[in-house]
Amino acid sequence: MSEMNNVSGGMTPEPKKNNNTIIIAVVAVVLLCCCCISAVVFYQYLGDPIAQALGF
């Protein structure tokens, strides 16, 4: 109980700034995951034809 009170008490002085930081971090992580997933899918499905076309 005391830990939860301390955490909520620490967040109360600037809730908007803290929430914006969390939202920005979540969006950055999601975008990074999307980029990684799209790169993997791209290379799995299109990597071989592109590599053959380039002569690798």
Protein backbone atom coordinates (compact mmCIF):
# COMPACT_ATOMS: atom_id res chain seq x y z
CA MET A 1 0.00 0.00 0.00
CA SER A 2 2.72 2.47 0.92
CA GLU A 3 4.57 1.85 -2.36
CA MET A 4 1.44 2.59 -4.38
CA ASN A 5 0.88 5.78 -2.41
CA ASN A 6 4.46 6.88 -3.04
CA VAL A 7 4.20 6.20 -6.76
CA SER A 8 0.90 8.04 -7.13
CA GLY A 9 2.22 10.88 -4.98
CA GLY A 10 5.29 11.16 -7.21
CA MET A 11 3.14 11.40 -10.32
CA THR A 12 0.77 14.08 -9.04
CA PRO A 13 2.98 17.21 -9.35
CA GLU A 14 3.22 17.06 -13.18
CA PRO A 15 0.74 14.50 -14.52
CA LYS A 16 0.53 15.93 -18.04
CA LYS A 17 4.29 15.91 -18.60
CA ASN A 18 4.59 12.39 -17.23
CA ASN A 19 1.71 11.12 -19.35
CA ASN A 20 3.16 12.72 -22.48
CA THR A 21 6.51 11.07 -21.81
CA ILE A 22 4.86 7.67 -21.41
CA ILE A 23 2.80 8.15 -24.57
CA ILE A 24 5.86 9.20 -26.58
CA ALA A 25 7.81 6.19 -25.31
CA VAL A 26 4.98 3.80 -26.18
CA VAL A 27 4.59 5.29 -29.65
CA ALA A 28 8.34 5.07 -30.25
CA VAL A 29 8.42 1.40 -29.20
CA VAL A 30 5.41 0.57 -31.39
CA LEU A 31 6.94 2.31 -34.40
CA LEU A 32 10.24 0.51 -33.83
CA CYS A 33 8.46 -2.84 -33.67
CA CYS A 34 6.50 -2.05 -36.82
CA CYS A 35 9.69 -1.11 -38.64
CA CYS A 36 11.42 -4.33 -37.55
CA ILE A 37 8.43 -6.49 -38.50
CA SER A 38 8.03 -4.82 -41.89
CA ALA A 39 11.76 -5.20 -42.59
CA VAL A 40 11.65 -8.92 -41.74
CA VAL A 41 8.55 -9.46 -43.88
CA PHE A 42 10.07 -7.46 -46.73
CA TYR A 43 13.28 -9.49 -46.75
CA GLN A 44 11.46 -12.81 -46.35
CA TYR A 45 9.10 -12.27 -49.27
CA LEU A 46 11.04 -9.89 -51.53
CA GLY A 47 14.66 -10.38 -50.49
CA ASP A 48 15.36 -13.36 -52.74
CA PRO A 49 14.07 -11.84 -56.01
CA ILE A 50 15.87 -8.57 -55.28
CA ALA A 51 19.08 -10.43 -54.42
CA GLN A 52 18.83 -12.47 -57.62
CA ALA A 53 18.15 -9.35 -59.67
CA LEU A 54 21.21 -7.64 -58.19
CA GLY A 55 23.36 -10.72 -58.77
CA PHE A 56 23.88 -11.81 -55.17
